[in-house]
N, C-alpha and C. Protein backbone atom coordinates (compact mmCIF):
# COMPACT_ATOMS: atom_id res chain seq x y z
N MET A 1 85.01 60.42 46.11
CA MET A 1 83.67 60.09 45.70
C MET A 1 83.77 58.54 45.32
N SER A 2 82.66 57.81 45.70
CA SER A 2 82.61 56.31 45.42
C SER A 2 82.36 56.18 43.93
N ARG A 3 82.91 54.94 43.52
CA ARG A 3 82.70 54.56 42.18
C ARG A 3 81.53 53.50 42.16
N ILE A 4 80.81 53.51 40.97
CA ILE A 4 79.80 52.44 40.75
C ILE A 4 80.54 51.39 39.98
N ILE A 5 80.46 50.15 40.50
CA ILE A 5 81.12 49.07 39.93
C ILE A 5 79.86 48.06 39.45
N TYR A 6 79.85 47.85 38.21
CA TYR A 6 78.86 46.89 37.52
C TYR A 6 79.54 45.54 37.68
N TYR A 7 79.13 44.73 38.58
CA TYR A 7 79.71 43.43 38.75
C TYR A 7 78.80 42.33 38.38
N VAL A 8 79.01 41.72 37.18
CA VAL A 8 77.70 40.90 36.70
C VAL A 8 78.17 39.77 35.92
N ALA A 9 77.34 38.72 35.84
CA ALA A 9 77.77 37.61 35.09
C ALA A 9 77.13 37.90 33.72
N SER A 10 77.89 37.34 32.64
CA SER A 10 77.50 37.53 31.21
C SER A 10 77.93 36.24 30.56
N SER A 11 77.13 36.06 29.43
CA SER A 11 77.45 34.94 28.49
C SER A 11 78.44 35.63 27.49
N LEU A 12 78.99 34.81 26.66
CA LEU A 12 79.99 35.22 25.68
C LEU A 12 79.35 36.03 24.65
N ASP A 13 78.04 35.93 24.35
CA ASP A 13 77.41 36.75 23.44
C ASP A 13 76.71 38.00 24.11
N GLY A 14 77.07 38.39 25.38
CA GLY A 14 76.66 39.59 25.95
C GLY A 14 75.39 39.70 26.67
N PHE A 15 74.82 38.56 27.21
CA PHE A 15 73.56 38.53 27.92
C PHE A 15 73.60 38.07 29.30
N ILE A 16 73.10 38.98 30.18
CA ILE A 16 73.08 38.67 31.62
C ILE A 16 72.05 37.70 32.04
N ALA A 17 71.21 37.38 31.16
CA ALA A 17 70.06 36.35 31.43
C ALA A 17 69.70 35.93 30.01
N GLY A 18 69.19 34.73 30.00
CA GLY A 18 68.68 34.17 28.66
C GLY A 18 67.32 34.60 28.43
N PRO A 19 66.65 34.11 27.39
CA PRO A 19 65.26 34.33 27.09
C PRO A 19 64.39 33.91 28.42
N ASN A 20 63.36 34.67 28.70
CA ASN A 20 62.44 34.54 29.85
C ASN A 20 63.25 34.66 31.09
N ASP A 21 64.32 35.50 31.10
CA ASP A 21 65.21 35.62 32.37
C ASP A 21 65.84 34.41 32.90
N ASP A 22 66.16 33.54 31.98
CA ASP A 22 66.71 32.14 32.44
C ASP A 22 68.18 32.39 32.74
N VAL A 23 68.54 31.99 33.96
CA VAL A 23 69.95 32.06 34.37
C VAL A 23 70.61 30.71 34.58
N SER A 24 69.87 29.69 34.32
CA SER A 24 70.33 28.33 34.66
C SER A 24 71.50 27.90 33.98
N LYS A 25 71.91 28.51 32.88
CA LYS A 25 73.21 27.97 32.29
C LYS A 25 74.37 28.52 32.79
N PHE A 26 74.34 29.65 33.64
CA PHE A 26 75.44 30.25 34.18
C PHE A 26 76.14 29.44 35.23
N VAL A 27 77.39 29.68 35.53
CA VAL A 27 78.17 28.92 36.43
C VAL A 27 77.86 29.45 37.86
N PHE A 28 77.39 28.42 38.69
CA PHE A 28 76.97 28.86 40.11
C PHE A 28 77.79 28.31 41.19
N LEU A 29 78.68 27.55 40.92
CA LEU A 29 79.60 27.00 41.86
C LEU A 29 81.07 27.12 41.36
N GLY A 30 81.99 27.05 42.30
CA GLY A 30 83.42 26.97 41.91
C GLY A 30 84.17 28.22 42.52
N ALA A 31 85.44 28.20 42.17
CA ALA A 31 86.28 29.14 42.70
C ALA A 31 86.04 30.60 42.22
N GLY A 32 85.59 30.71 40.93
CA GLY A 32 85.23 32.12 40.47
C GLY A 32 83.88 32.64 41.12
N VAL A 33 83.05 31.85 41.47
CA VAL A 33 81.76 32.30 42.12
C VAL A 33 82.25 32.59 43.45
N GLU A 34 83.04 31.84 44.09
CA GLU A 34 83.44 32.08 45.56
C GLU A 34 84.21 33.49 45.57
N LYS A 35 85.04 33.79 44.59
CA LYS A 35 85.80 35.07 44.51
C LYS A 35 84.76 36.18 44.44
N TYR A 36 83.75 35.99 43.61
CA TYR A 36 82.63 37.07 43.44
C TYR A 36 81.96 37.20 44.79
N GLN A 37 81.58 36.22 45.39
CA GLN A 37 80.88 36.35 46.78
C GLN A 37 81.74 37.03 47.78
N ALA A 38 83.05 36.69 47.87
CA ALA A 38 84.02 37.40 48.79
C ALA A 38 84.18 38.81 48.36
N ASP A 39 84.16 39.12 47.14
CA ASP A 39 84.26 40.56 46.73
C ASP A 39 83.12 41.29 47.14
N LEU A 40 81.95 40.68 47.11
CA LEU A 40 80.69 41.54 47.66
C LEU A 40 80.82 42.00 49.00
N ALA A 41 81.58 41.26 49.94
CA ALA A 41 81.72 41.69 51.33
C ALA A 41 82.29 43.05 51.41
N ALA A 42 82.91 43.54 50.42
CA ALA A 42 83.62 44.99 50.53
C ALA A 42 82.61 46.07 50.28
N PHE A 43 81.48 45.79 49.71
CA PHE A 43 80.45 46.75 49.41
C PHE A 43 79.48 46.96 50.62
N LYS A 44 79.19 48.17 50.94
CA LYS A 44 78.10 48.54 51.89
C LYS A 44 76.90 49.05 51.29
N THR A 45 76.94 49.41 49.90
CA THR A 45 75.74 50.07 49.22
C THR A 45 75.67 49.15 47.84
N VAL A 46 74.39 48.91 47.68
CA VAL A 46 73.92 48.21 46.36
C VAL A 46 72.80 49.06 45.70
N ILE A 47 73.03 49.31 44.35
CA ILE A 47 71.96 49.88 43.57
C ILE A 47 71.44 48.89 42.56
N MET A 48 70.16 48.98 42.27
CA MET A 48 69.48 48.09 41.14
C MET A 48 68.23 48.73 40.75
N GLY A 49 67.72 48.25 39.68
CA GLY A 49 66.36 48.58 39.14
C GLY A 49 65.29 47.67 39.74
N ARG A 50 64.06 48.04 39.47
CA ARG A 50 62.87 47.25 40.04
C ARG A 50 62.93 45.78 39.59
N LYS A 51 63.22 45.56 38.23
CA LYS A 51 63.17 44.27 37.70
C LYS A 51 64.21 43.29 38.27
N THR A 52 65.42 43.89 38.68
CA THR A 52 66.49 43.08 39.23
C THR A 52 66.00 42.86 40.68
N TYR A 53 65.51 43.67 41.34
CA TYR A 53 65.06 43.40 42.74
C TYR A 53 63.97 42.34 42.80
N GLU A 54 62.98 42.48 41.78
CA GLU A 54 61.79 41.54 41.85
C GLU A 54 62.35 40.21 41.31
N PHE A 55 63.46 40.09 40.56
CA PHE A 55 63.97 38.77 40.01
C PHE A 55 64.39 37.97 41.29
N GLY A 56 64.77 38.65 42.32
CA GLY A 56 65.18 37.88 43.58
C GLY A 56 63.99 37.14 44.25
N TYR A 57 62.77 37.43 43.90
CA TYR A 57 61.64 36.76 44.51
C TYR A 57 61.56 35.36 44.29
N GLN A 58 62.07 34.88 42.95
CA GLN A 58 62.07 33.59 42.68
C GLN A 58 63.12 32.74 43.42
N PHE A 59 64.05 33.43 44.08
CA PHE A 59 65.10 32.75 44.96
C PHE A 59 64.85 32.96 46.37
N GLY A 60 63.58 33.34 46.77
CA GLY A 60 63.21 33.46 48.16
C GLY A 60 63.28 34.85 48.73
N LEU A 61 63.74 35.88 48.06
CA LEU A 61 63.71 37.21 48.61
C LEU A 61 62.33 37.68 48.93
N GLN A 62 62.05 38.16 49.95
CA GLN A 62 60.69 38.71 50.40
C GLN A 62 60.63 40.20 50.14
N PRO A 63 59.51 40.49 49.58
CA PRO A 63 59.37 41.99 49.14
C PRO A 63 59.75 42.96 50.37
N GLY A 64 60.40 44.01 50.03
CA GLY A 64 60.90 44.87 51.02
C GLY A 64 62.02 44.51 51.99
N GLN A 65 62.60 43.29 51.70
CA GLN A 65 63.80 42.84 52.56
C GLN A 65 64.96 43.01 51.73
N PRO A 66 66.20 43.04 52.43
CA PRO A 66 67.40 43.26 51.70
C PRO A 66 67.86 41.98 51.04
N ALA A 67 68.37 42.02 49.76
CA ALA A 67 68.91 40.90 49.06
C ALA A 67 70.29 40.60 49.69
N TYR A 68 70.95 41.59 50.11
CA TYR A 68 72.31 41.46 50.65
C TYR A 68 72.30 42.13 52.07
N PRO A 69 72.21 41.28 53.09
CA PRO A 69 71.92 41.76 54.49
C PRO A 69 72.94 42.85 54.95
N HIS A 70 74.10 42.67 54.51
CA HIS A 70 75.14 43.74 54.93
C HIS A 70 75.29 44.96 54.14
N MET A 71 74.33 45.22 53.14
CA MET A 71 74.26 46.34 52.22
C MET A 71 73.05 47.28 52.44
N GLU A 72 73.25 48.53 52.24
CA GLU A 72 72.15 49.45 52.18
C GLU A 72 71.71 49.37 50.77
N HIS A 73 70.39 49.17 50.45
CA HIS A 73 69.77 48.94 49.16
C HIS A 73 69.06 50.14 48.65
N PHE A 74 69.28 50.65 47.44
CA PHE A 74 68.63 51.64 46.74
C PHE A 74 68.04 51.08 45.45
N ILE A 75 66.72 51.01 45.42
CA ILE A 75 66.10 50.35 44.25
C ILE A 75 65.41 51.56 43.44
N PHE A 76 65.95 51.67 42.27
CA PHE A 76 65.51 52.86 41.37
C PHE A 76 64.24 52.39 40.63
N SER A 77 63.09 52.98 41.03
CA SER A 77 61.77 52.62 40.50
C SER A 77 60.78 53.82 40.80
N ASP A 78 59.88 53.95 39.75
CA ASP A 78 58.79 54.85 39.90
C ASP A 78 57.56 54.12 40.26
N SER A 79 57.47 52.80 40.29
CA SER A 79 56.31 52.10 40.74
C SER A 79 56.32 51.23 41.77
N LEU A 80 57.54 50.80 42.27
CA LEU A 80 57.77 49.78 43.36
C LEU A 80 57.22 50.44 44.66
N LYS A 81 56.47 49.75 45.50
CA LYS A 81 56.03 50.06 46.80
C LYS A 81 56.02 49.01 47.79
N PHE A 82 56.37 49.25 48.97
CA PHE A 82 56.36 48.08 49.95
C PHE A 82 55.53 48.66 51.17
N ASP A 83 54.84 47.72 51.73
CA ASP A 83 54.18 48.09 53.08
C ASP A 83 55.07 48.12 54.28
N ASN A 84 55.99 47.20 54.27
CA ASN A 84 56.83 47.07 55.42
C ASN A 84 58.28 46.85 54.90
N ALA A 85 58.99 47.78 54.46
CA ALA A 85 60.21 47.59 53.96
C ALA A 85 61.34 47.70 55.12
N ALA A 86 62.36 46.89 55.05
CA ALA A 86 63.51 46.98 56.04
C ALA A 86 64.07 48.38 56.08
N ASP A 87 64.81 48.66 57.14
CA ASP A 87 65.38 49.96 57.21
C ASP A 87 66.50 50.20 56.10
N SER A 88 67.07 49.07 55.70
CA SER A 88 68.10 49.26 54.73
C SER A 88 67.65 49.13 53.25
N VAL A 89 66.25 49.13 53.02
CA VAL A 89 65.79 49.13 51.73
C VAL A 89 65.10 50.40 51.37
N HIS A 90 65.48 51.07 50.21
CA HIS A 90 64.98 52.34 49.92
C HIS A 90 64.57 52.31 48.48
N VAL A 91 63.44 52.72 48.23
CA VAL A 91 62.93 52.78 46.78
C VAL A 91 63.14 54.32 46.42
N VAL A 92 63.82 54.62 45.37
CA VAL A 92 64.13 56.05 44.97
C VAL A 92 63.82 56.18 43.49
N GLU A 93 63.58 57.51 43.11
CA GLU A 93 63.22 57.75 41.76
C GLU A 93 64.74 57.70 40.94
N ARG A 94 64.60 57.43 39.73
CA ARG A 94 65.65 57.26 38.82
C ARG A 94 66.04 58.74 38.38
N SER A 95 67.21 59.23 38.89
CA SER A 95 67.66 60.46 38.39
C SER A 95 69.21 60.60 38.48
N VAL A 96 69.73 61.32 37.65
CA VAL A 96 71.23 61.44 37.83
C VAL A 96 71.71 62.16 38.97
N GLU A 97 70.89 63.05 39.55
CA GLU A 97 71.07 63.72 40.85
C GLU A 97 71.15 62.69 41.98
N GLN A 98 70.22 61.78 42.00
CA GLN A 98 69.99 60.79 43.10
C GLN A 98 71.25 59.84 43.07
N VAL A 99 71.72 59.53 41.95
CA VAL A 99 72.83 58.55 41.77
C VAL A 99 74.10 59.38 42.35
N ASN A 100 74.37 60.61 41.78
CA ASN A 100 75.47 61.33 42.24
C ASN A 100 75.52 61.59 43.73
N ASP A 101 74.25 61.80 44.29
CA ASP A 101 74.15 62.00 45.68
C ASP A 101 74.72 60.72 46.49
N LEU A 102 74.27 59.68 46.01
CA LEU A 102 74.75 58.25 46.61
C LEU A 102 76.12 58.19 46.37
N LYS A 103 76.77 58.53 45.36
CA LYS A 103 78.22 58.49 45.03
C LYS A 103 79.03 59.18 46.10
N GLU A 104 78.49 60.44 46.33
CA GLU A 104 79.13 61.35 47.27
C GLU A 104 79.05 60.84 48.73
N LYS A 105 77.85 60.29 49.18
CA LYS A 105 77.67 59.82 50.54
C LYS A 105 78.13 58.36 50.86
N ALA A 106 78.23 57.53 49.87
CA ALA A 106 78.64 56.13 50.19
C ALA A 106 79.93 56.01 50.80
N SER A 107 80.07 55.15 51.76
CA SER A 107 81.41 55.02 52.48
C SER A 107 82.31 53.87 51.66
N THR A 108 81.81 53.23 50.73
CA THR A 108 82.61 52.28 49.85
C THR A 108 82.16 52.47 48.50
N ASP A 109 82.88 51.88 47.55
CA ASP A 109 82.38 51.73 46.23
C ASP A 109 80.91 51.21 46.14
N ILE A 110 80.13 51.38 45.14
CA ILE A 110 78.66 51.02 45.12
C ILE A 110 78.60 49.82 44.09
N TYR A 111 78.06 48.70 44.54
CA TYR A 111 77.75 47.58 43.72
C TYR A 111 76.42 47.81 42.87
N LEU A 112 76.65 47.82 41.64
CA LEU A 112 75.58 47.84 40.65
C LEU A 112 75.21 46.35 40.47
N CYS A 113 74.01 46.07 40.87
CA CYS A 113 73.52 44.70 40.87
C CYS A 113 72.69 44.45 39.61
N GLY A 114 73.23 43.80 38.61
CA GLY A 114 72.43 43.33 37.46
C GLY A 114 71.47 44.52 36.84
N GLY A 115 70.70 44.00 36.00
CA GLY A 115 69.71 44.96 35.43
C GLY A 115 70.28 45.58 34.16
N GLY A 116 70.20 44.93 33.09
CA GLY A 116 70.74 45.51 31.91
C GLY A 116 70.16 46.86 31.55
N GLN A 117 68.88 46.96 31.69
CA GLN A 117 68.23 48.26 31.41
C GLN A 117 68.70 49.44 32.30
N PHE A 118 68.80 49.17 33.60
CA PHE A 118 69.27 50.24 34.42
C PHE A 118 70.74 50.42 34.17
N ALA A 119 71.59 49.39 34.04
CA ALA A 119 73.02 49.56 33.69
C ALA A 119 73.19 50.35 32.45
N GLY A 120 72.38 50.12 31.49
CA GLY A 120 72.51 50.89 30.18
C GLY A 120 72.20 52.42 30.60
N TRP A 121 71.17 52.61 31.30
CA TRP A 121 70.86 54.08 31.56
C TRP A 121 71.92 54.73 32.29
N LEU A 122 72.61 54.02 33.28
CA LEU A 122 73.67 54.50 33.94
C LEU A 122 74.91 54.78 33.07
N LEU A 123 75.05 53.85 32.14
CA LEU A 123 76.18 54.07 31.15
C LEU A 123 75.97 55.36 30.26
N ASP A 124 74.70 55.35 29.82
CA ASP A 124 74.35 56.54 28.96
C ASP A 124 74.64 57.75 29.64
N HIS A 125 74.52 57.90 31.02
CA HIS A 125 74.70 59.09 31.82
C HIS A 125 76.15 59.21 32.35
N GLY A 126 77.02 58.32 31.87
CA GLY A 126 78.46 58.48 32.37
C GLY A 126 78.56 58.08 33.85
N LEU A 127 77.75 57.22 34.41
CA LEU A 127 77.76 56.95 35.85
C LEU A 127 78.46 55.54 36.15
N VAL A 128 78.71 54.72 35.17
CA VAL A 128 79.42 53.54 35.47
C VAL A 128 80.96 53.74 35.41
N ASP A 129 81.59 53.41 36.60
CA ASP A 129 83.06 53.67 36.63
C ASP A 129 83.94 52.48 36.33
N GLN A 130 83.31 51.28 36.67
CA GLN A 130 84.13 50.04 36.50
C GLN A 130 83.06 48.90 36.22
N LEU A 131 83.69 48.05 35.35
CA LEU A 131 82.89 46.83 34.97
C LEU A 131 83.64 45.56 35.41
N LYS A 132 83.11 44.66 36.31
CA LYS A 132 83.76 43.49 36.71
C LYS A 132 82.82 42.37 36.00
N LEU A 133 83.29 41.80 34.82
CA LEU A 133 82.57 40.82 34.24
C LEU A 133 82.87 39.47 34.56
N LYS A 134 81.86 38.66 35.02
CA LYS A 134 81.99 37.28 35.19
C LYS A 134 81.64 36.60 33.88
N LEU A 135 82.50 36.42 33.01
CA LEU A 135 82.30 35.87 31.58
C LEU A 135 82.11 34.37 31.71
N ASN A 136 80.95 33.98 31.39
CA ASN A 136 80.69 32.46 31.52
C ASN A 136 80.89 31.89 30.18
N PRO A 137 81.32 30.64 30.05
CA PRO A 137 81.53 29.89 28.87
C PRO A 137 80.33 29.40 28.20
N ILE A 138 79.40 30.27 27.86
CA ILE A 138 78.21 29.88 27.21
C ILE A 138 77.71 30.92 26.22
N VAL A 139 76.89 30.50 25.28
CA VAL A 139 76.36 31.37 24.38
C VAL A 139 74.83 31.23 24.60
N LEU A 140 74.07 32.36 24.80
CA LEU A 140 72.65 32.25 24.99
C LEU A 140 71.76 32.47 23.85
N GLY A 141 72.25 33.29 22.88
CA GLY A 141 71.55 33.59 21.70
C GLY A 141 70.43 34.58 21.84
N GLY A 142 70.22 35.09 23.02
CA GLY A 142 69.17 36.10 23.28
C GLY A 142 68.91 36.22 24.71
N GLY A 143 68.19 37.25 25.09
CA GLY A 143 67.76 37.45 26.55
C GLY A 143 68.00 38.97 26.89
N VAL A 144 68.51 39.16 28.05
CA VAL A 144 68.76 40.42 28.69
C VAL A 144 70.12 40.97 28.34
N PRO A 145 70.27 41.89 27.48
CA PRO A 145 71.70 42.50 27.14
C PRO A 145 72.43 43.10 28.37
N LEU A 146 73.68 43.08 28.22
CA LEU A 146 74.53 43.53 29.39
C LEU A 146 74.18 44.98 29.63
N PHE A 147 74.02 45.94 28.65
CA PHE A 147 73.73 47.25 28.83
C PHE A 147 72.46 47.66 28.20
N GLY A 148 71.52 46.73 28.28
CA GLY A 148 70.08 46.97 27.78
C GLY A 148 70.08 47.65 26.39
N GLU A 149 69.41 48.74 26.18
CA GLU A 149 69.44 49.41 24.99
C GLU A 149 70.25 50.64 24.88
N ALA A 150 71.37 50.73 25.74
CA ALA A 150 72.30 51.81 25.66
C ALA A 150 72.92 52.03 24.28
N LYS A 151 73.08 53.32 24.01
CA LYS A 151 73.69 53.62 22.73
C LYS A 151 75.08 54.24 22.87
N THR A 152 75.48 54.39 24.08
CA THR A 152 76.82 55.12 24.35
C THR A 152 77.97 54.05 23.98
N GLN A 153 78.95 54.62 23.39
CA GLN A 153 80.12 53.92 23.15
C GLN A 153 81.21 54.37 24.21
N VAL A 154 81.81 53.43 24.81
CA VAL A 154 82.85 53.68 25.77
C VAL A 154 84.07 52.84 25.55
N GLN A 155 85.31 53.22 25.99
CA GLN A 155 86.38 52.48 25.93
C GLN A 155 86.69 51.97 27.35
N LEU A 156 87.08 50.66 27.39
CA LEU A 156 87.38 50.00 28.73
C LEU A 156 88.87 49.88 28.77
N ILE A 157 89.40 49.97 29.98
CA ILE A 157 90.81 49.80 30.30
C ILE A 157 91.00 48.56 31.16
N LEU A 158 91.60 47.51 30.72
CA LEU A 158 91.63 46.25 31.44
C LEU A 158 92.57 46.42 32.75
N ASN A 159 92.04 46.20 33.80
CA ASN A 159 92.76 46.25 35.14
C ASN A 159 93.42 44.83 35.44
N GLY A 160 92.77 43.80 35.07
CA GLY A 160 93.18 42.44 35.41
C GLY A 160 92.23 41.39 35.01
N SER A 161 92.53 40.11 34.95
CA SER A 161 91.75 39.00 34.64
C SER A 161 92.20 37.73 35.31
N GLU A 162 91.10 37.00 35.64
CA GLU A 162 91.32 35.70 36.30
C GLU A 162 90.60 34.61 35.48
N VAL A 163 91.18 33.47 35.22
CA VAL A 163 90.53 32.37 34.57
C VAL A 163 90.52 31.22 35.56
N PHE A 164 89.32 30.63 35.61
CA PHE A 164 89.05 29.48 36.51
C PHE A 164 88.74 28.14 35.83
N GLU A 165 89.10 27.08 36.49
CA GLU A 165 89.10 25.79 35.83
C GLU A 165 87.86 25.39 35.10
N ASP A 166 86.65 26.03 35.48
CA ASP A 166 85.42 25.63 34.79
C ASP A 166 85.07 26.55 33.64
N GLY A 167 86.14 27.36 33.33
CA GLY A 167 86.00 28.19 32.07
C GLY A 167 85.40 29.57 32.42
N LEU A 168 85.09 29.79 33.63
CA LEU A 168 84.60 31.25 34.00
C LEU A 168 85.84 32.08 34.04
N GLN A 169 85.60 33.36 33.51
CA GLN A 169 86.68 34.33 33.71
C GLN A 169 86.06 35.51 34.48
N ILE A 170 86.81 36.14 35.25
CA ILE A 170 86.47 37.50 35.77
C ILE A 170 87.49 38.59 35.07
N LEU A 171 86.87 39.41 34.40
CA LEU A 171 87.55 40.46 33.80
C LEU A 171 87.24 41.83 34.42
N ASP A 172 88.22 42.62 34.76
CA ASP A 172 88.08 43.79 35.56
C ASP A 172 88.51 44.98 34.70
N TYR A 173 87.62 45.80 34.36
CA TYR A 173 87.79 47.00 33.52
C TYR A 173 87.46 48.27 34.15
N ASN A 174 88.26 49.36 33.89
CA ASN A 174 87.69 50.75 34.26
C ASN A 174 87.18 51.21 32.99
N VAL A 175 86.10 52.15 33.21
CA VAL A 175 85.54 52.83 32.09
C VAL A 175 86.37 54.09 31.97
N LYS A 176 86.87 54.26 30.64
CA LYS A 176 87.72 55.46 30.31
C LYS A 176 86.82 56.58 30.28
N LYS A 177 87.12 57.61 31.02
CA LYS A 177 86.21 58.84 31.09
C LYS A 177 86.89 59.96 30.29
């Protein structure tokens, strides 16, 4: 069965975006970002919530088109609709059964792309298997929490870490089940 890997940028105080979804303070260039982009090449499936998908519009993503051309997209939403979605873009209802079905059928591990609220829901349902945190050397003071409003407590087991010259760290954890 494939694992769900939440690979996400975070501030030191645990936010994946600042107030008003501002991500301008995060590290966007350098060896750590290049590693992240290279790591994405291994995924063939991406899951995300509606807000994360729509966040891409401000960066040129067209509605119904894939954010990652080499991946099959599953957007969990009860309200999102497209007139002409690409064959690789699917809007599905948020359910544990749907996520487990994807985990069984995916040919690679599954990339959980951002979305603190959706990530928190997955965590609350025991569906996050690994956390790869791009820890940025910034404090945002507010914004979108890493796991939204999740109340679940989990223990993480460090697999490894890398530190880059610009202060970015990539921390790789397994979620203890």
